[in-house]
Amino acid sequence: MTTPLRADKTGPHRVAFEKNRRRLLKTENVCGICGHLINKKLKAPDPMSPVVDHIIPINKGGHPSAIENLQLAHWTCNRQKSDKLFNNQKEEPKTIGNRNLPQSLNWISYRS
């Protein structure tokens, strides 16, 4: 039995996700999780390579392809964040296990 692919990997959201991914790679240069610059010349499997992160994870109700729910991030930052939600930027970063994961912007209250 195979696991079904996420909505951004197949189906009607795939085209919109790819379009928004290219847009983020062209316009953004800072990790939305740690706030440091991203070197776009790095390619996977480099841990500091750029990836697109879902601000609100798909499994927590986030839209799979909406640009408002996507941010550029380092691969390692995205892996550490996993499917967690962060909604308080102004306060001290919360410690999850032994990791501090600050956000560079409070995306939960972001409105375009």
PDB file of N, CA and C in Angstrom:
ATOM      1  N   MET A   1       0.847  -1.184   0.000  1.00  0.00           N
ATOM      2  CA  MET A   1       0.000   0.000   0.000  1.00  0.00           C
ATOM      3  C   MET A   1       0.886   1.239   0.000  1.00  0.00           C
ATOM      4  N   THR A   2       0.659   2.127  -0.922  1.00  0.00           N
ATOM      5  CA  THR A   2       1.455   3.349  -1.011  1.00  0.00           C
ATOM      6  C   THR A   2       0.732   4.494  -0.328  1.00  0.00           C
ATOM      7  N   THR A   3       1.507   5.407   0.207  1.00  0.00           N
ATOM      8  CA  THR A   3       0.968   6.594   0.854  1.00  0.00           C
ATOM      9  C   THR A   3       0.601   7.612  -0.219  1.00  0.00           C
ATOM     10  N   PRO A   4      -0.588   8.217  -0.123  1.00  0.00           N
ATOM     11  CA  PRO A   4      -0.952   9.221  -1.123  1.00  0.00           C
ATOM     12  C   PRO A   4      -0.044  10.444  -1.017  1.00  0.00           C
ATOM     13  N   LEU A   5       0.246  11.054  -2.154  1.00  0.00           N
ATOM     14  CA  LEU A   5       1.084  12.252  -2.172  1.00  0.00           C
ATOM     15  C   LEU A   5       0.317  13.446  -1.625  1.00  0.00           C
ATOM     16  N   ARG A   6       1.056  14.405  -1.065  1.00  0.00           N
ATOM     17  CA  ARG A   6       0.426  15.619  -0.563  1.00  0.00           C
ATOM     18  C   ARG A   6      -0.210  16.391  -1.711  1.00  0.00           C
ATOM     19  N   ALA A   7      -1.122  17.302  -1.348  1.00  0.00           N
ATOM     20  CA  ALA A   7      -1.860  18.076  -2.346  1.00  0.00           C
ATOM     21  C   ALA A   7      -0.961  18.972  -3.182  1.00  0.00           C
ATOM     22  N   ASP A   8       0.192  19.421  -2.624  1.00  0.00           N
ATOM     23  CA  ASP A   8       1.073  20.274  -3.412  1.00  0.00           C
ATOM     24  C   ASP A   8       1.991  19.456  -4.310  1.00  0.00           C
ATOM     25  N   LYS A   9       2.001  18.160  -4.180  1.00  0.00           N
ATOM     26  CA  LYS A   9       2.846  17.297  -5.008  1.00  0.00           C
ATOM     27  C   LYS A   9       2.100  16.694  -6.191  1.00  0.00           C
ATOM     28  N   THR A  10       0.802  16.736  -6.174  1.00  0.00           N
ATOM     29  CA  THR A  10       0.000  16.155  -7.240  1.00  0.00           C
ATOM     30  C   THR A  10      -1.335  16.901  -7.331  1.00  0.00           C
ATOM     31  N   GLY A  11      -2.036  16.718  -8.414  1.00  0.00           N
ATOM     32  CA  GLY A  11      -3.367  17.287  -8.552  1.00  0.00           C
ATOM     33  C   GLY A  11      -3.377  18.749  -8.949  1.00  0.00           C
ATOM     34  N   PRO A  12      -4.505  19.409  -8.724  1.00  0.00           N
ATOM     35  CA  PRO A  12      -4.693  20.785  -9.207  1.00  0.00           C
ATOM     36  C   PRO A  12      -3.798  21.823  -8.542  1.00  0.00           C
ATOM     37  N   HIS A  13      -3.278  21.549  -7.355  1.00  0.00           N
ATOM     38  CA  HIS A  13      -2.428  22.530  -6.667  1.00  0.00           C
ATOM     39  C   HIS A  13      -0.993  22.517  -7.175  1.00  0.00           C
ATOM     40  N   ARG A  14      -0.591  21.486  -7.908  1.00  0.00           N
ATOM     41  CA  ARG A  14       0.802  21.337  -8.320  1.00  0.00           C
ATOM     42  C   ARG A  14       1.287  22.515  -9.173  1.00  0.00           C
ATOM     43  N   VAL A  15       0.503  22.924 -10.151  1.00  0.00           N
ATOM     44  CA  VAL A  15       0.901  24.011 -11.052  1.00  0.00           C
ATOM     45  C   VAL A  15       1.030  25.320 -10.278  1.00  0.00           C
ATOM     46  N   ALA A  16       0.057  25.609  -9.418  1.00  0.00           N
ATOM     47  CA  ALA A  16       0.100  26.846  -8.629  1.00  0.00           C
ATOM     48  C   ALA A  16       1.279  26.822  -7.662  1.00  0.00           C
ATOM     49  N   PHE A  17       1.552  25.665  -7.045  1.00  0.00           N
ATOM     50  CA  PHE A  17       2.677  25.559  -6.122  1.00  0.00           C
ATOM     51  C   PHE A  17       3.992  25.816  -6.851  1.00  0.00           C
ATOM     52  N   GLU A  18       4.186  25.224  -8.016  1.00  0.00           N
ATOM     53  CA  GLU A  18       5.423  25.420  -8.790  1.00  0.00           C
ATOM     54  C   GLU A  18       5.598  26.882  -9.199  1.00  0.00           C
ATOM     55  N   LYS A  19       4.502  27.522  -9.613  1.00  0.00           N
ATOM     56  CA  LYS A  19       4.549  28.936 -10.003  1.00  0.00           C
ATOM     57  C   LYS A  19       4.960  29.799  -8.804  1.00  0.00           C
ATOM     58  N   ASN A  20       4.358  29.541  -7.650  1.00  0.00           N
ATOM     59  CA  ASN A  20       4.679  30.314  -6.453  1.00  0.00           C
ATOM     60  C   ASN A  20       6.077  29.988  -5.942  1.00  0.00           C
ATOM     61  N   ARG A  21       6.534  28.755  -6.107  1.00  0.00           N
ATOM     62  CA  ARG A  21       7.898  28.383  -5.717  1.00  0.00           C
ATOM     63  C   ARG A  21       8.919  29.171  -6.531  1.00  0.00           C
ATOM     64  N   ARG A  22       8.704  29.253  -7.843  1.00  0.00           N
ATOM     65  CA  ARG A  22       9.612  30.032  -8.696  1.00  0.00           C
ATOM     66  C   ARG A  22       9.583  31.508  -8.314  1.00  0.00           C
ATOM     67  N   ARG A  23       8.406  32.019  -7.991  1.00  0.00           N
ATOM     68  CA  ARG A  23       8.267  33.422  -7.586  1.00  0.00           C
ATOM     69  C   ARG A  23       9.050  33.699  -6.299  1.00  0.00           C
ATOM     70  N   LEU A  24       8.937  32.798  -5.311  1.00  0.00           N
ATOM     71  CA  LEU A  24       9.674  32.974  -4.064  1.00  0.00           C
ATOM     72  C   LEU A  24      11.178  32.905  -4.290  1.00  0.00           C
ATOM     73  N   LEU A  25      11.624  31.984  -5.134  1.00  0.00           N
ATOM     74  CA  LEU A  25      13.056  31.853  -5.397  1.00  0.00           C
ATOM     75  C   LEU A  25      13.617  33.096  -6.089  1.00  0.00           C
ATOM     76  N   LYS A  26      12.794  33.784  -6.872  1.00  0.00           N
ATOM     77  CA  LYS A  26      13.243  35.002  -7.545  1.00  0.00           C
ATOM     78  C   LYS A  26      13.223  36.220  -6.630  1.00  0.00           C
ATOM     79  N   THR A  27      12.234  36.296  -5.740  1.00  0.00           N
ATOM     80  CA  THR A  27      12.018  37.533  -4.992  1.00  0.00           C
ATOM     81  C   THR A  27      12.530  37.519  -3.562  1.00  0.00           C
ATOM     82  N   GLU A  28      12.632  36.366  -2.937  1.00  0.00           N
ATOM     83  CA  GLU A  28      13.034  36.288  -1.538  1.00  0.00           C
ATOM     84  C   GLU A  28      14.489  35.851  -1.420  1.00  0.00           C
ATOM     85  N   ASN A  29      15.162  36.281  -0.359  1.00  0.00           N
ATOM     86  CA  ASN A  29      16.542  35.843  -0.135  1.00  0.00           C
ATOM     87  C   ASN A  29      16.850  35.642   1.348  1.00  0.00           C
ATOM     88  N   VAL A  30      15.827  35.653   2.189  1.00  0.00           N
ATOM     89  CA  VAL A  30      15.999  35.473   3.626  1.00  0.00           C
ATOM     90  C   VAL A  30      15.138  34.299   4.079  1.00  0.00           C
ATOM     91  N   CYS A  31      15.684  33.471   4.956  1.00  0.00           N
ATOM     92  CA  CYS A  31      14.940  32.342   5.506  1.00  0.00           C
ATOM     93  C   CYS A  31      13.788  32.865   6.373  1.00  0.00           C
ATOM     94  N   GLY A  32      12.587  32.409   6.102  1.00  0.00           N
ATOM     95  CA  GLY A  32      11.421  32.830   6.871  1.00  0.00           C
ATOM     96  C   GLY A  32      11.386  32.261   8.269  1.00  0.00           C
ATOM     97  N   ILE A  33      12.249  31.296   8.573  1.00  0.00           N
ATOM     98  CA  ILE A  33      12.263  30.679   9.891  1.00  0.00           C
ATOM     99  C   ILE A  33      13.369  31.269  10.761  1.00  0.00           C
ATOM    100  N   CYS A  34      14.614  31.291  10.255  1.00  0.00           N
ATOM    101  CA  CYS A  34      15.725  31.782  11.083  1.00  0.00           C
ATOM    102  C   CYS A  34      16.098  33.235  10.785  1.00  0.00           C
ATOM    103  N   GLY A  35      15.700  33.769   9.632  1.00  0.00           N
ATOM    104  CA  GLY A  35      15.980  35.163   9.310  1.00  0.00           C
ATOM    105  C   GLY A  35      17.337  35.421   8.677  1.00  0.00           C
ATOM    106  N   HIS A  36      18.132  34.375   8.409  1.00  0.00           N
ATOM    107  CA  HIS A  36      19.442  34.544   7.784  1.00  0.00           C
ATOM    108  C   HIS A  36      19.339  34.454   6.265  1.00  0.00           C
ATOM    109  N   LEU A  37      20.344  35.015   5.594  1.00  0.00           N
ATOM    110  CA  LEU A  37      20.368  34.983   4.132  1.00  0.00           C
ATOM    111  C   LEU A  37      20.457  33.554   3.624  1.00  0.00           C
ATOM    112  N   ILE A  38      19.855  33.324   2.447  1.00  0.00           N
ATOM    113  CA  ILE A  38      19.874  32.014   1.807  1.00  0.00           C
ATOM    114  C   ILE A  38      20.728  32.111   0.552  1.00  0.00           C
ATOM    115  N   ASN A  39      21.669  31.196   0.396  1.00  0.00           N
ATOM    116  CA  ASN A  39      22.491  31.112  -0.803  1.00  0.00           C
ATOM    117  C   ASN A  39      21.755  30.240  -1.816  1.00  0.00           C
ATOM    118  N   LYS A  40      21.189  30.882  -2.838  1.00  0.00           N
ATOM    119  CA  LYS A  40      20.384  30.155  -3.819  1.00  0.00           C
ATOM    120  C   LYS A  40      21.218  29.319  -4.779  1.00  0.00           C
ATOM    121  N   LYS A  41      22.539  29.468  -4.724  1.00  0.00           N
ATOM    122  CA  LYS A  41      23.401  28.649  -5.581  1.00  0.00           C
ATOM    123  C   LYS A  41      23.559  27.237  -5.025  1.00  0.00           C
ATOM    124  N   LEU A  42      23.262  27.061  -3.741  1.00  0.00           N
ATOM    125  CA  LEU A  42      23.365  25.737  -3.138  1.00  0.00           C
ATOM    126  C   LEU A  42      22.213  24.863  -3.611  1.00  0.00           C
ATOM    127  N   LYS A  43      22.513  23.623  -3.862  1.00  0.00           N
ATOM    128  CA  LYS A  43      21.501  22.668  -4.324  1.00  0.00           C
ATOM    129  C   LYS A  43      21.393  21.532  -3.322  1.00  0.00           C
ATOM    130  N   ALA A  44      20.255  20.861  -3.319  1.00  0.00           N
ATOM    131  CA  ALA A  44      20.069  19.686  -2.464  1.00  0.00           C
ATOM    132  C   ALA A  44      21.119  18.656  -2.842  1.00  0.00           C
ATOM    133  N   PRO A  45      21.663  17.941  -1.925  1.00  0.00           N
ATOM    134  CA  PRO A  45      21.279  17.727  -0.521  1.00  0.00           C
ATOM    135  C   PRO A  45      21.987  18.630   0.471  1.00  0.00           C
ATOM    136  N   ASP A  46      22.523  19.769   0.047  1.00  0.00           N
ATOM    137  CA  ASP A  46      23.182  20.691   0.974  1.00  0.00           C
ATOM    138  C   ASP A  46      22.176  21.137   2.037  1.00  0.00           C
ATOM    139  N   PRO A  47      22.532  21.067   3.327  1.00  0.00           N
ATOM    140  CA  PRO A  47      21.576  21.419   4.390  1.00  0.00           C
ATOM    141  C   PRO A  47      21.159  22.889   4.392  1.00  0.00           C
ATOM    142  N   MET A  48      21.933  23.754   3.752  1.00  0.00           N
ATOM    143  CA  MET A  48      21.565  25.168   3.711  1.00  0.00           C
ATOM    144  C   MET A  48      20.932  25.570   2.379  1.00  0.00           C
ATOM    145  N   SER A  49      20.559  24.592   1.568  1.00  0.00           N
ATOM    146  CA  SER A  49      19.932  24.878   0.281  1.00  0.00           C
ATOM    147  C   SER A  49      18.519  25.429   0.494  1.00  0.00           C
ATOM    148  N   PRO A  50      18.024  26.236  -0.450  1.00  0.00           N
ATOM    149  CA  PRO A  50      16.699  26.829  -0.296  1.00  0.00           C
ATOM    150  C   PRO A  50      15.582  25.834  -0.594  1.00  0.00           C
ATOM    151  N   VAL A  51      14.537  25.894   0.208  1.00  0.00           N
ATOM    152  CA  VAL A  51      13.325  25.112  -0.010  1.00  0.00           C
ATOM    153  C   VAL A  51      12.131  26.008   0.277  1.00  0.00           C
ATOM    154  N   VAL A  52      10.964  25.576  -0.157  1.00  0.00           N
ATOM    155  CA  VAL A  52       9.736  26.311   0.129  1.00  0.00           C
ATOM    156  C   VAL A  52       9.057  25.642   1.314  1.00  0.00           C
ATOM    157  N   ASP A  53       8.750  26.443   2.319  1.00  0.00           N
ATOM    158  CA  ASP A  53       8.126  25.966   3.553  1.00  0.00           C
ATOM    159  C   ASP A  53       6.671  26.410   3.584  1.00  0.00           C
ATOM    160  N   HIS A  54       5.797  25.530   4.049  1.00  0.00           N
ATOM    161  CA  HIS A  54       4.400  25.902   4.296  1.00  0.00           C
ATOM    162  C   HIS A  54       4.337  26.500   5.699  1.00  0.00           C
ATOM    163  N   ILE A  55       3.933  27.758   5.802  1.00  0.00           N
ATOM    164  CA  ILE A  55       3.874  28.452   7.084  1.00  0.00           C
ATOM    165  C   ILE A  55       2.906  27.726   8.007  1.00  0.00           C
ATOM    166  N   ILE A  56       1.703  27.493   7.534  1.00  0.00           N
ATOM    167  CA  ILE A  56       0.753  26.642   8.240  1.00  0.00           C
ATOM    168  C   ILE A  56       0.793  25.299   7.515  1.00  0.00           C
ATOM    169  N   PRO A  57       1.279  24.256   8.175  1.00  0.00           N
ATOM    170  CA  PRO A  57       1.424  22.964   7.496  1.00  0.00           C
ATOM    171  C   PRO A  57       0.110  22.476   6.893  1.00  0.00           C
ATOM    172  N   ILE A  58       0.222  21.746   5.806  1.00  0.00           N
ATOM    173  CA  ILE A  58      -0.966  21.223   5.118  1.00  0.00           C
ATOM    174  C   ILE A  58      -1.786  20.359   6.063  1.00  0.00           C
ATOM    175  N   ASN A  59      -1.121  19.541   6.873  1.00  0.00           N
ATOM    176  CA  ASN A  59      -1.860  18.654   7.773  1.00  0.00           C
ATOM    177  C   ASN A  59      -2.505  19.393   8.946  1.00  0.00           C
ATOM    178  N   LYS A  60      -2.218  20.712   9.096  1.00  0.00           N
ATOM    179  CA  LYS A  60      -2.863  21.533  10.126  1.00  0.00           C
ATOM    180  C   LYS A  60      -3.871  22.500   9.499  1.00  0.00           C
ATOM    181  N   GLY A  61      -4.194  22.285   8.220  1.00  0.00           N
ATOM    182  CA  GLY A  61      -5.202  23.102   7.554  1.00  0.00           C
ATOM    183  C   GLY A  61      -4.661  24.196   6.664  1.00  0.00           C
ATOM    184  N   GLY A  62      -3.355  24.255   6.463  1.00  0.00           N
ATOM    185  CA  GLY A  62      -2.766  25.269   5.590  1.00  0.00           C
ATOM    186  C   GLY A  62      -3.033  24.968   4.124  1.00  0.00           C
ATOM    187  N   HIS A  63      -3.146  26.006   3.329  1.00  0.00           N
ATOM    188  CA  HIS A  63      -3.395  25.835   1.896  1.00  0.00           C
ATOM    189  C   HIS A  63      -2.118  25.333   1.231  1.00  0.00           C
ATOM    190  N   PRO A  64      -2.222  24.318   0.364  1.00  0.00           N
ATOM    191  CA  PRO A  64      -1.023  23.723  -0.232  1.00  0.00           C
ATOM    192  C   PRO A  64      -0.292  24.594  -1.239  1.00  0.00           C
ATOM    193  N   SER A  65      -0.973  25.571  -1.861  1.00  0.00           N
ATOM    194  CA  SER A  65      -0.295  26.322  -2.911  1.00  0.00           C
ATOM    195  C   SER A  65      -0.472  27.833  -2.831  1.00  0.00           C
ATOM    196  N   ALA A  66      -1.177  28.345  -1.847  1.00  0.00           N
ATOM    197  CA  ALA A  66      -1.391  29.793  -1.731  1.00  0.00           C
ATOM    198  C   ALA A  66      -0.086  30.489  -1.367  1.00  0.00           C
ATOM    199  N   ILE A  67       0.237  31.559  -2.076  1.00  0.00           N
ATOM    200  CA  ILE A  67       1.481  32.294  -1.840  1.00  0.00           C
ATOM    201  C   ILE A  67       1.533  32.837  -0.415  1.00  0.00           C
ATOM    202  N   GLU A  68       0.391  33.141   0.193  1.00  0.00           N
ATOM    203  CA  GLU A  68       0.346  33.651   1.558  1.00  0.00           C
ATOM    204  C   GLU A  68       0.774  32.594   2.568  1.00  0.00           C
ATOM    205  N   ASN A  69       0.740  31.317   2.181  1.00  0.00           N
ATOM    206  CA  ASN A  69       1.098  30.237   3.088  1.00  0.00           C
ATOM    207  C   ASN A  69       2.489  29.670   2.784  1.00  0.00           C
ATOM    208  N   LEU A  70       3.237  30.301   1.899  1.00  0.00           N
ATOM    209  CA  LEU A  70       4.553  29.800   1.515  1.00  0.00           C
ATOM    210  C   LEU A  70       5.637  30.800   1.887  1.00  0.00           C
ATOM    211  N   GLN A  71       6.794  30.290   2.277  1.00  0.00           N
ATOM    212  CA  GLN A  71       7.951  31.136   2.555  1.00  0.00           C
ATOM    213  C   GLN A  71       9.207  30.363   2.181  1.00  0.00           C
ATOM    214  N   LEU A  72      10.249  31.099   1.852  1.00  0.00           N
ATOM    215  CA  LEU A  72      11.528  30.486   1.539  1.00  0.00           C
ATOM    216  C   LEU A  72      12.247  30.170   2.849  1.00  0.00           C
ATOM    217  N   ALA A  73      12.919  29.022   2.899  1.00  0.00           N
ATOM    218  CA  ALA A  73      13.614  28.623   4.121  1.00  0.00           C
ATOM    219  C   ALA A  73      14.824  27.774   3.780  1.00  0.00           C
ATOM    220  N   HIS A  74      15.750  27.655   4.739  1.00  0.00           N
ATOM    221  CA  HIS A  74      16.843  26.706   4.600  1.00  0.00           C
ATOM    222  C   HIS A  74      16.279  25.300   4.774  1.00  0.00           C
ATOM    223  N   TRP A  75      16.893  24.339   4.129  1.00  0.00           N
ATOM    224  CA  TRP A  75      16.438  22.958   4.241  1.00  0.00           C
ATOM    225  C   TRP A  75      16.447  22.505   5.699  1.00  0.00           C
ATOM    226  N   THR A  76      17.530  22.806   6.438  1.00  0.00           N
ATOM    227  CA  THR A  76      17.612  22.359   7.830  1.00  0.00           C
ATOM    228  C   THR A  76      16.588  23.065   8.717  1.00  0.00           C
ATOM    229  N   CYS A  77      16.371  24.346   8.489  1.00  0.00           N
ATOM    230  CA  CYS A  77      15.362  25.072   9.269  1.00  0.00           C
ATOM    231  C   CYS A  77      13.981  24.457   9.046  1.00  0.00           C
ATOM    232  N   ASN A  78      13.682  24.148   7.803  1.00  0.00           N
ATOM    233  CA  ASN A  78      12.395  23.555   7.462  1.00  0.00           C
ATOM    234  C   ASN A  78      12.250  22.174   8.103  1.00  0.00           C
ATOM    235  N   ARG A  79      13.321  21.379   8.108  1.00  0.00           N
ATOM    236  CA  ARG A  79      13.273  20.052   8.720  1.00  0.00           C
ATOM    237  C   ARG A  79      13.072  20.161  10.229  1.00  0.00           C
ATOM    238  N   GLN A  80      13.720  21.149  10.869  1.00  0.00           N
ATOM    239  CA  GLN A  80      13.560  21.310  12.311  1.00  0.00           C
ATOM    240  C   GLN A  80      12.170  21.808  12.664  1.00  0.00           C
ATOM    241  N   LYS A  81      11.627  22.675  11.830  1.00  0.00           N
ATOM    242  CA  LYS A  81      10.279  23.194  12.065  1.00  0.00           C
ATOM    243  C   LYS A  81       9.255  22.085  11.906  1.00  0.00           C
ATOM    244  N   SER A  82       9.468  21.211  10.927  1.00  0.00           N
ATOM    245  CA  SER A  82       8.587  20.085  10.653  1.00  0.00           C
ATOM    246  C   SER A  82       7.152  20.585  10.453  1.00  0.00           C
ATOM    247  N   ASP A  83       6.192  20.072  11.198  1.00  0.00           N
ATOM    248  CA  ASP A  83       4.801  20.497  11.022  1.00  0.00           C
ATOM    249  C   ASP A  83       4.301  21.307  12.217  1.00  0.00           C
ATOM    250  N   LYS A  84       5.222  22.063  12.820  1.00  0.00           N
ATOM    251  CA  LYS A  84       4.861  22.886  13.978  1.00  0.00           C
ATOM    252  C   LYS A  84       4.339  24.251  13.522  1.00  0.00           C
ATOM    253  N   LEU A  85       3.541  24.854  14.364  1.00  0.00           N
ATOM    254  CA  LEU A  85       3.014  26.193  14.117  1.00  0.00           C
ATOM    255  C   LEU A  85       3.718  27.183  15.032  1.00  0.00           C
ATOM    256  N   PHE A  86       4.078  28.345  14.499  1.00  0.00           N
ATOM    257  CA  PHE A  86       4.666  29.422  15.282  1.00  0.00           C
ATOM    258  C   PHE A  86       3.845  30.666  15.018  1.00  0.00           C
ATOM    259  N   ASN A  87       3.323  31.288  16.088  1.00  0.00           N
ATOM    260  CA  ASN A  87       2.486  32.461  15.872  1.00  0.00           C
ATOM    261  C   ASN A  87       2.836  33.644  16.762  1.00  0.00           C
ATOM    262  N   ASN A  88       3.900  33.566  17.552  1.00  0.00           N
ATOM    263  CA  ASN A  88       4.283  34.689  18.403  1.00  0.00           C
ATOM    264  C   ASN A  88       5.710  35.103  18.108  1.00  0.00           C
ATOM    265  N   GLN A  89       5.867  36.086  17.240  1.00  0.00           N
ATOM    266  CA  GLN A  89       7.208  36.545  16.892  1.00  0.00           C
ATOM    267  C   GLN A  89       7.748  37.523  17.923  1.00  0.00           C
ATOM    268  N   LYS A  90       6.912  38.348  18.497  1.00  0.00           N
ATOM    269  CA  LYS A  90       7.361  39.416  19.386  1.00  0.00           C
ATOM    270  C   LYS A  90       7.932  38.863  20.693  1.00  0.00           C
ATOM    271  N   GLU A  91       7.422  37.735  21.144  1.00  0.00           N
ATOM    272  CA  GLU A  91       7.909  37.155  22.378  1.00  0.00           C
ATOM    273  C   GLU A  91       9.208  36.403  22.133  1.00  0.00           C
ATOM    274  N   GLU A  92       9.813  35.947  23.211  1.00  0.00           N
ATOM    275  CA  GLU A  92      11.027  35.153  23.098  1.00  0.00           C
ATOM    276  C   GLU A  92      10.729  33.881  22.312  1.00  0.00           C
ATOM    277  N   PRO A  93      11.694  33.400  21.519  1.00  0.00           N
ATOM    278  CA  PRO A  93      11.470  32.168  20.776  1.00  0.00           C
ATOM    279  C   PRO A  93      11.165  31.018  21.734  1.00  0.00           C
ATOM    280  N   LYS A  94      10.193  30.207  21.346  1.00  0.00           N
ATOM    281  CA  LYS A  94       9.838  29.073  22.176  1.00  0.00           C
ATOM    282  C   LYS A  94      10.868  27.974  21.991  1.00  0.00           C
ATOM    283  N   THR A  95      11.150  27.289  23.078  1.00  0.00           N
ATOM    284  CA  THR A  95      12.070  26.164  22.998  1.00  0.00           C
ATOM    285  C   THR A  95      11.257  24.901  22.774  1.00  0.00           C
ATOM    286  N   ILE A  96      11.581  24.226  21.695  1.00  0.00           N
ATOM    287  CA  ILE A  96      10.926  22.970  21.373  1.00  0.00           C
ATOM    288  C   ILE A  96      12.007  21.912  21.480  1.00  0.00           C
ATOM    289  N   GLY A  97      11.910  21.097  22.490  1.00  0.00           N
ATOM    290  CA  GLY A  97      13.003  20.162  22.742  1.00  0.00           C
ATOM    291  C   GLY A  97      14.233  20.974  23.099  1.00  0.00           C
ATOM    292  N   ASN A  98      15.278  20.847  22.289  1.00  0.00           N
ATOM    293  CA  ASN A  98      16.492  21.628  22.526  1.00  0.00           C
ATOM    294  C   ASN A  98      16.729  22.634  21.411  1.00  0.00           C
ATOM    295  N   ARG A  99      15.676  23.015  20.684  1.00  0.00           N
ATOM    296  CA  ARG A  99      15.835  23.912  19.535  1.00  0.00           C
ATOM    297  C   ARG A  99      15.059  25.210  19.730  1.00  0.00           C
ATOM    298  N   ASN A 100      15.673  26.327  19.386  1.00  0.00           N
ATOM    299  CA  ASN A 100      14.982  27.608  19.310  1.00  0.00           C
ATOM    300  C   ASN A 100      14.721  27.886  17.851  1.00  0.00           C
ATOM    301  N   LEU A 101      13.470  28.123  17.500  1.00  0.00           N
ATOM    302  CA  LEU A 101      13.108  28.366  16.109  1.00  0.00           C
ATOM    303  C   LEU A 101      12.380  29.694  15.989  1.00  0.00           C
ATOM    304  N   PRO A 102      13.126  30.800  15.873  1.00  0.00           N
ATOM    305  CA  PRO A 102      12.459  32.096  15.725  1.00  0.00           C
ATOM    306  C   PRO A 102      11.923  32.277  14.312  1.00  0.00           C
ATOM    307  N   GLN A 103      10.970  33.170  14.175  1.00  0.00           N
ATOM    308  CA  GLN A 103      10.460  33.530  12.864  1.00  0.00           C
ATOM    309  C   GLN A 103      10.906  34.933  12.545  1.00  0.00           C
ATOM    310  N   SER A 104      11.143  35.196  11.253  1.00  0.00           N
ATOM    311  CA  SER A 104      11.530  36.535  10.856  1.00  0.00           C
ATOM    312  C   SER A 104      10.320  37.432  10.666  1.00  0.00           C
ATOM    313  N   LEU A 105       9.127  36.840  10.581  1.00  0.00           N
ATOM    314  CA  LEU A 105       7.900  37.602  10.378  1.00  0.00           C
ATOM    315  C   LEU A 105       6.741  36.810  10.945  1.00  0.00           C
ATOM    316  N   ASN A 106       5.776  37.473  11.547  1.00  0.00           N
ATOM    317  CA  ASN A 106       4.603  36.793  12.077  1.00  0.00           C
ATOM    318  C   ASN A 106       3.626  36.522  10.940  1.00  0.00           C
ATOM    319  N   TRP A 107       3.775  35.387  10.302  1.00  0.00           N
ATOM    320  CA  TRP A 107       2.986  35.075   9.104  1.00  0.00           C
ATOM    321  C   TRP A 107       1.541  34.732   9.409  1.00  0.00           C
ATOM    322  N   ILE A 108       1.220  34.369  10.628  1.00  0.00           N
ATOM    323  CA  ILE A 108      -0.151  34.026  10.975  1.00  0.00           C
ATOM    324  C   ILE A 108      -1.046  35.263  10.829  1.00  0.00           C
ATOM    325  N   SER A 109      -0.551  36.427  11.223  1.00  0.00           N
ATOM    326  CA  SER A 109      -1.376  37.639  11.143  1.00  0.00           C
ATOM    327  C   SER A 109      -1.132  38.411   9.844  1.00  0.00           C
ATOM    328  N   TYR A 110      -0.364  37.861   8.927  1.00  0.00           N
ATOM    329  CA  TYR A 110      -0.047  38.534   7.665  1.00  0.00           C
ATOM    330  C   TYR A 110      -1.264  38.581   6.751  1.00  0.00           C
ATOM    331  N   ARG A 111      -1.538  39.726   6.235  1.00  0.00           N
ATOM    332  CA  ARG A 111      -2.625  39.907   5.261  1.00  0.00           C
ATOM    333  C   ARG A 111      -2.066  40.649   4.070  1.00  0.00           C
ATOM    334  N   SER A 112      -2.328  40.152   2.883  1.00  0.00           N
ATOM    335  CA  SER A 112      -1.797  40.816   1.677  1.00  0.00           C
ATOM    336  C   SER A 112      -2.661  41.976   1.246  1.00  0.00           C
TER     337      SER A 112
END
